[in-house]
Protein backbone atom coordinates (compact mmCIF):
# COMPACT_ATOMS: atom_id res chain seq x y z
CA UNK A 1 0.00 0.00 0.00
CA UNK A 2 3.02 2.27 0.34
CA UNK A 3 3.96 4.53 -2.57
CA UNK A 4 0.56 4.08 -4.27
CA UNK A 5 0.15 7.84 -4.70
CA UNK A 6 3.40 8.13 -6.69
CA UNK A 7 2.39 5.12 -8.73
CA UNK A 8 -0.71 6.98 -9.98
CA UNK A 9 1.19 10.19 -10.83
CA UNK A 10 3.82 8.60 -13.12
CA UNK A 11 1.50 7.72 -16.04
CA UNK A 12 -0.12 11.18 -15.87
CA UNK A 13 3.24 12.92 -16.28
CA UNK A 14 4.21 10.58 -19.14
CA UNK A 15 1.06 11.50 -21.14
CA UNK A 16 1.72 15.24 -20.83
CA UNK A 17 5.41 15.18 -21.94
CA UNK A 18 6.42 15.14 -25.63
CA UNK A 19 8.84 12.33 -26.50
CA UNK A 20 12.25 13.76 -27.52
CA UNK A 21 15.76 12.27 -27.75
CA UNK A 22 16.70 13.98 -24.51
CA UNK A 23 13.61 12.54 -22.88
CA UNK A 24 14.47 9.11 -24.19
CA UNK A 25 17.97 9.34 -22.76
CA UNK A 26 16.48 10.49 -19.47
CA UNK A 27 14.08 7.52 -19.48
CA UNK A 28 16.97 5.17 -20.13
CA UNK A 29 18.90 6.70 -17.23
CA UNK A 30 15.84 6.50 -15.03
CA UNK A 31 15.35 2.90 -16.09
CA UNK A 32 18.94 2.11 -15.15
CA UNK A 33 18.40 3.78 -11.77
CA UNK A 34 15.20 1.85 -11.30
CA UNK A 35 16.99 -1.39 -12.11
CA UNK A 36 19.66 -0.51 -9.54
CA UNK A 37 16.99 0.36 -7.00
CA UNK A 38 15.16 -2.83 -7.83
CA UNK A 39 18.34 -4.87 -7.43
CA UNK A 40 19.17 -3.14 -4.17
CA UNK A 41 15.61 -3.67 -2.98
CA UNK A 42 15.81 -7.36 -3.90
CA UNK A 43 19.11 -7.76 -2.05
CA UNK A 44 17.80 -5.85 0.95
CA UNK A 45 14.63 -7.90 0.92
CA UNK A 46 16.66 -11.11 0.78
CA UNK A 47 18.88 -9.98 3.64
CA UNK A 48 15.84 -9.01 5.71
CA UNK A 49 14.30 -12.43 5.01
CA UNK A 50 17.47 -14.16 6.18
CA UNK A 51 17.63 -11.84 9.19
CA UNK A 52 13.97 -12.52 9.89
CA UNK A 53 14.60 -16.26 9.75
CA UNK A 54 17.52 -15.89 12.16
CA UNK A 55 15.43 -13.71 14.42
CA UNK A 56 12.76 -16.42 14.37
CA UNK A 57 15.33 -19.07 15.32
CA UNK A 58 16.69 -16.77 18.02
CA UNK A 59 13.20 -16.05 19.30
CA UNK A 60 12.41 -19.77 19.37
CA UNK A 61 15.66 -20.51 21.20
CA UNK A 62 14.99 -17.73 23.67
CA UNK A 63 11.48 -19.05 24.26
CA UNK A 64 12.87 -22.52 24.92
CA UNK A 65 15.51 -20.97 27.17
CA UNK A 66 12.83 -18.98 28.99
CA UNK A 67 10.72 -22.11 29.47
CA UNK A 68 13.77 -24.01 30.71
CA UNK A 69 14.64 -21.14 33.01
CA UNK A 70 11.10 -21.15 34.41
CA UNK A 71 11.37 -24.88 34.99
CA UNK A 72 14.73 -24.35 36.69
CA UNK A 73 13.20 -21.65 38.87
CA UNK A 74 10.39 -24.04 39.78
CA UNK A 75 12.87 -26.80 40.65
CA UNK A 76 14.95 -24.35 42.67
CA UNK A 77 11.80 -23.36 44.55
CA UNK A 78 11.15 -27.04 45.29
CA UNK A 79 14.73 -27.43 46.49
CA UNK A 80 14.27 -24.30 48.59
CA UNK A 81 11.13 -25.78 50.16
CA UNK A 82 12.98 -29.02 50.86
CA UNK A 83 15.90 -27.12 52.38
CA UNK A 84 13.43 -25.19 54.54
CA UNK A 85 11.82 -28.46 55.65
CA UNK A 86 15.26 -29.92 56.42
CA UNK A 87 16.11 -26.73 58.30
CA UNK A 88 12.87 -26.98 60.30
CA UNK A 89 13.58 -30.64 60.99
CA UNK A 90 17.09 -29.69 62.06
CA UNK A 91 15.65 -27.06 64.41
CA UNK A 92 13.24 -29.65 65.83
CA UNK A 93 16.09 -32.13 66.26
CA UNK A 94 18.17 -29.45 67.94
CA UNK A 95 15.28 -28.77 70.33
CA UNK A 96 14.97 -32.49 71.03
CA UNK A 97 18.70 -32.67 71.76
CA UNK A 98 18.35 -29.70 74.11
CA UNK A 99 15.46 -31.47 75.86
CA UNK A 100 17.52 -34.66 76.13
CA UNK A 101 20.41 -32.64 77.54
CA UNK A 102 18.08 -31.13 80.15
CA UNK A 103 16.74 -34.60 80.93
CA UNK A 104 20.30 -35.85 81.30
CA UNK A 105 20.96 -33.03 83.74
CA UNK A 106 17.91 -34.09 85.75
CA UNK A 107 19.03 -37.72 85.52
CA UNK A 108 22.48 -36.67 86.67
CA UNK A 109 21.00 -34.90 89.67
CA UNK A 110 18.89 -37.98 90.43
CA UNK A 111 21.95 -40.22 90.11
CA UNK A 112 23.93 -37.95 92.41
CA UNK A 113 21.08 -37.95 94.93
CA UNK A 114 20.77 -41.74 94.68
CA UNK A 115 24.52 -42.04 95.08
CA UNK A 116 24.36 -39.97 98.26
CA UNK A 117 21.52 -42.16 99.53
CA UNK A 118 23.55 -45.27 98.72
CA UNK A 119 26.51 -43.86 100.58
CA UNK A 120 24.33 -43.13 103.60
CA UNK A 121 22.80 -46.62 103.36
CA UNK A 122 26.30 -48.07 103.13
CA UNK A 123 27.29 -46.19 106.27
CA UNK A 124 24.20 -47.54 108.07
CA UNK A 125 25.03 -51.07 106.91
CA UNK A 126 28.58 -50.65 108.17
CA UNK A 127 27.23 -49.47 111.52
CA UNK A 128 24.81 -52.42 111.60
CA UNK A 129 27.67 -54.77 110.76
CA UNK A 130 29.71 -53.36 113.62
CA UNK A 131 26.72 -53.75 115.95
CA UNK A 132 26.19 -57.36 114.84
CA UNK A 133 29.88 -58.08 115.26
CA UNK A 134 29.73 -56.65 118.77
CA UNK A 135 26.57 -58.61 119.50
CA UNK A 136 28.20 -61.77 118.17
CA UNK A 137 31.19 -61.17 120.42
CA UNK A 138 28.90 -60.66 123.42
CA UNK A 139 26.97 -63.84 122.59
CA UNK A 140 30.23 -65.75 122.26
CA UNK A 141 31.33 -64.48 125.67
CA UNK A 142 27.88 -65.31 127.04
CA UNK A 143 28.23 -68.84 125.72
CA UNK A 144 31.62 -69.08 127.39
CA UNK A 145 30.12 -67.87 130.65
CA UNK A 146 27.30 -70.41 130.33
CA UNK A 147 29.87 -73.16 129.83
CA UNK A 148 31.74 -72.01 132.91
CA UNK A 149 28.51 -71.87 134.94
CA UNK A 150 27.62 -75.32 133.65
CA UNK A 151 31.01 -76.60 134.78
CA UNK A 152 30.46 -75.03 138.20
CA UNK A 153 26.99 -76.57 138.46
CA UNK A 154 28.52 -79.92 137.57
CA UNK A 155 31.04 -79.38 140.33
CA UNK A 156 28.19 -78.62 142.73
CA UNK A 157 26.43 -81.78 141.59
CA UNK A 158 29.60 -83.77 142.11
CA UNK A 159 29.97 -82.23 145.58
CA UNK A 160 26.35 -83.12 146.31
CA UNK A 161 27.01 -86.69 145.24
CA UNK A 162 30.07 -86.78 147.47
CA UNK A 163 28.04 -85.30 150.31
CA UNK A 164 25.33 -87.89 149.75
CA UNK A 165 27.95 -90.62 149.76
CA UNK A 166 29.41 -89.27 153.00
CA UNK A 167 25.92 -89.09 154.52
CA UNK A 168 25.33 -92.68 153.49
CA UNK A 169 28.56 -93.75 155.12
CA UNK A 170 27.71 -91.72 158.21
CA UNK A 171 24.28 -93.37 158.40
CA UNK A 172 25.90 -96.80 158.20
CA UNK A 173 28.33 -95.91 160.91
CA UNK A 174 25.53 -94.44 163.04
CA UNK A 175 23.54 -97.67 162.77
CA UNK A 176 26.55 -99.50 164.05
CA UNK A 177 26.84 -97.15 167.03
CA UNK A 178 23.27 -98.01 168.25
CA UNK A 179 21.73 -95.48 170.62
CA UNK A 180 24.82 -93.28 170.66
CA UNK A 181 24.70 -92.70 166.93
CA UNK A 182 21.01 -91.85 166.54
CA UNK A 183 21.61 -88.11 166.51
CA UNK A 184 24.35 -88.54 164.02
CA UNK A 185 21.99 -90.68 161.93
CA UNK A 186 19.44 -87.84 161.88
CA UNK A 187 22.12 -85.47 160.65
CA UNK A 188 23.14 -88.02 158.07
CA UNK A 189 19.55 -88.30 156.80
CA UNK A 190 19.17 -84.53 156.63
CA UNK A 191 22.48 -84.29 154.86
CA UNK A 192 21.38 -86.97 152.45
CA UNK A 193 18.09 -85.14 151.82
CA UNK A 194 19.91 -81.85 151.34
CA UNK A 195 22.35 -83.51 149.01
CA UNK A 196 19.47 -84.96 147.02
CA UNK A 197 17.79 -81.57 146.81
CA UNK A 198 21.09 -80.05 145.73
CA UNK A 199 21.44 -82.68 143.03
CA UNK A 200 17.87 -82.09 141.87
CA UNK A 201 18.36 -78.33 141.88
CA UNK A 202 21.67 -78.72 140.05
CA UNK A 203 19.94 -80.94 137.49
CA UNK A 204 17.22 -78.34 136.98
CA UNK A 205 19.87 -75.64 136.64
CA UNK A 206 21.77 -77.79 134.16
CA UNK A 207 18.59 -78.42 132.16
CA UNK A 208 17.77 -74.69 132.19
CA UNK A 209 21.34 -73.85 131.28
CA UNK A 210 21.21 -76.38 128.45
CA UNK A 211 18.02 -74.84 127.10
CA UNK A 212 19.45 -71.35 127.51
CA UNK A 213 22.66 -72.46 125.83
CA UNK A 214 20.56 -73.84 122.97
CA UNK A 215 18.83 -70.48 122.66
CA UNK A 216 22.19 -68.72 122.73
CA UNK A 217 23.51 -71.06 120.04
CA UNK A 218 20.39 -70.38 117.93
CA UNK A 219 20.76 -66.66 118.48
CA UNK A 220 24.44 -66.86 117.59
CA UNK A 221 23.50 -68.72 114.41
CA UNK A 222 20.94 -66.08 113.51
CA UNK A 223 23.45 -63.34 114.24
CA UNK A 224 25.93 -65.04 111.93
CA UNK A 225 23.26 -65.31 109.25
CA UNK A 226 22.32 -61.66 109.80
CA UNK A 227 25.97 -60.69 109.61
CA UNK A 228 26.30 -62.66 106.37
CA UNK A 229 23.18 -61.01 104.96
CA UNK A 230 24.41 -57.59 106.02
CA UNK A 231 27.79 -58.31 104.45
CA UNK A 232 26.13 -59.39 101.20
CA UNK A 233 23.84 -56.35 101.28
CA UNK A 234 26.87 -54.20 101.97
CA UNK A 235 28.59 -55.69 98.94
CA UNK A 236 25.46 -55.14 96.83
CA UNK A 237 25.25 -51.53 97.97
CA UNK A 238 28.93 -51.09 97.17
CA UNK A 239 28.42 -52.56 93.69
CA UNK A 240 25.33 -50.39 93.22
CA UNK A 241 27.34 -47.39 94.30
CA UNK A 242 30.01 -48.31 91.76
CA UNK A 243 27.30 -48.75 89.14
CA UNK A 244 25.96 -45.32 90.06
CA UNK A 245 29.43 -43.88 89.64
CA UNK A 246 29.71 -45.62 86.27
CA UNK A 247 26.29 -44.28 85.27
CA UNK A 248 27.31 -40.82 86.43
CA UNK A 249 30.51 -41.01 84.39
CA UNK A 250 28.58 -42.34 81.38
CA UNK A 251 26.04 -39.56 81.86
CA UNK A 252 28.82 -36.99 81.87
CA UNK A 253 30.34 -38.48 78.72
CA UNK A 254 26.92 -38.69 77.07
CA UNK A 255 26.22 -35.12 78.09
CA UNK A 256 29.47 -34.04 76.46
CA UNK A 257 28.55 -35.99 73.33
CA UNK A 258 25.10 -34.39 73.32
CA UNK A 259 26.69 -30.97 73.61
CA UNK A 260 28.97 -31.81 70.69
CA UNK A 261 26.00 -33.04 68.67
CA UNK A 262 24.08 -29.90 69.59
CA UNK A 263 26.97 -27.74 68.41
CA UNK A 264 27.17 -29.72 65.16
CA UNK A 265 23.41 -29.39 64.71
CA UNK A 266 23.69 -25.67 65.34
CA UNK A 267 26.41 -25.44 62.70
CA UNK A 268 24.25 -27.52 60.35
CA UNK A 269 21.33 -25.20 61.07
CA UNK A 270 23.46 -22.18 60.24
CA UNK A 271 24.68 -23.89 57.06
CA UNK A 272 21.11 -24.78 56.10
CA UNK A 273 19.99 -21.22 56.80
CA UNK A 274 22.83 -19.92 54.64
CA UNK A 275 21.89 -22.42 51.93
CA UNK A 276 18.25 -21.34 52.22
CA UNK A 277 19.25 -17.70 51.85
CA UNK A 278 21.47 -18.56 48.88
CA UNK A 279 18.69 -20.54 47.22
CA UNK A 280 16.28 -17.66 47.85
CA UNK A 281 18.75 -15.26 46.23
CA UNK A 282 19.16 -17.66 43.30
CA UNK A 283 15.39 -17.87 42.91
CA UNK A 284 15.07 -14.08 43.02
CA UNK A 285 17.91 -13.65 40.54
CA UNK A 286 16.53 -16.38 38.28
CA UNK A 287 13.09 -14.78 38.33
CA UNK A 288 14.61 -11.40 37.50
CA UNK A 289 16.67 -12.90 34.69
CA UNK A 290 13.64 -14.80 33.46
CA UNK A 291 11.69 -11.52 33.40
CA UNK A 292 14.48 -9.85 31.45
CA UNK A 293 14.62 -12.85 29.13
CA UNK A 294 10.88 -12.58 28.54
CA UNK A 295 11.27 -8.89 27.77
CA UNK A 296 14.11 -9.73 25.38
CA UNK A 297 11.92 -12.29 23.61
CA UNK A 298 9.16 -9.68 23.31
CA UNK A 299 11.64 -7.16 21.90
CA UNK A 300 12.86 -9.71 19.38
CA UNK A 301 9.28 -10.51 18.42
CA UNK A 302 8.57 -6.79 17.97
CA UNK A 303 11.76 -6.41 15.97
CA UNK A 304 10.73 -9.36 13.81
CA UNK A 305 7.42 -7.58 13.24
CA UNK A 306 9.31 -4.47 12.13
CA UNK A 307 11.43 -6.61 9.83
CA UNK A 308 8.27 -8.01 8.26
CA UNK A 309 6.90 -4.49 7.80
CA UNK A 310 10.15 -3.34 6.15
CA UNK A 311 10.12 -6.44 3.94
CA UNK A 312 6.58 -5.62 2.84
CA UNK A 313 7.64 -2.06 2.06
CA UNK A 314 10.57 -3.33 0.02
CA UNK A 315 8.25 -5.63 -1.91
CA UNK A 316 6.01 -2.65 -2.68
CA UNK A 317 9.08 -0.64 -3.71
CA UNK A 318 10.12 -3.49 -6.00
CA UNK A 319 6.65 -3.55 -7.57
CA UNK A 320 6.80 0.20 -8.18
CA UNK A 321 10.21 -0.19 -9.76
CA UNK A 322 8.85 -2.86 -12.10
CA UNK A 323 5.92 -0.59 -13.04
CA UNK A 324 8.28 2.33 -13.74
CA UNK A 325 10.37 0.01 -15.89
CA UNK A 326 7.37 -0.69 -18.07
């Protein structure tokens, strides 16, 4: 549609001018110029077509690049979300470690308190052991005293037997002495009766002493058993105390390990936070670059549209040149 006004004016001018040799030469020169213009227009049109094709390829490549960049941005966002989730999980784990550390502190206090109680219990057991040892010593001495008393009672019984034997002999001698030995016979009978009572009393004492000695032996046995039980309990308390010390040491080591893990988790959290910030910056930069890339694609598309317009104008110019040539 361009140059249509000039196209209508050319025939009108040609009808009004008289054909002369000078005019003919001028037409030939104009024809040569038109051919040059036409050739230049053809070359320009061809170059614009090639440029338009290249712009189309570039635009297509930029569109693909923009789509790929958008996909990359989307994947980076997903990675960012995953990093954030890992960071949140790391924070939760760090909190759990802190809670475990606090629990270990409470456990350590409980262990220390239990250890103190065990030490006090051990002291009481030691005191009880000393008491039982003293009681066992007293019972042993008591048994010795009972044995000595028993020996003395046996001596009394033997003396009573001797006295009874003497009374018997005295009674025999008194019977031989007739009337003169009657008084002596009465004394002999009383002595015999007293000797018998002494023997009976000694026997009762011996029986009681035997029963009491049996009780003392049973008590001594029970004291020995109690002493053995206390000794075993003392050993158990000592082992428990050692176990408590081992637990306390293990708790201290575990607490140190937990502190180390907490420090590592804190460093990991800082690294994850830094990674999250970096990913966020990458996403922002990628979005900005993607926006610029989209604008570049739009500019190329607009430039391609201008190229098409210029190509159309050149085609119209070429048509006008062909008409002038006729």
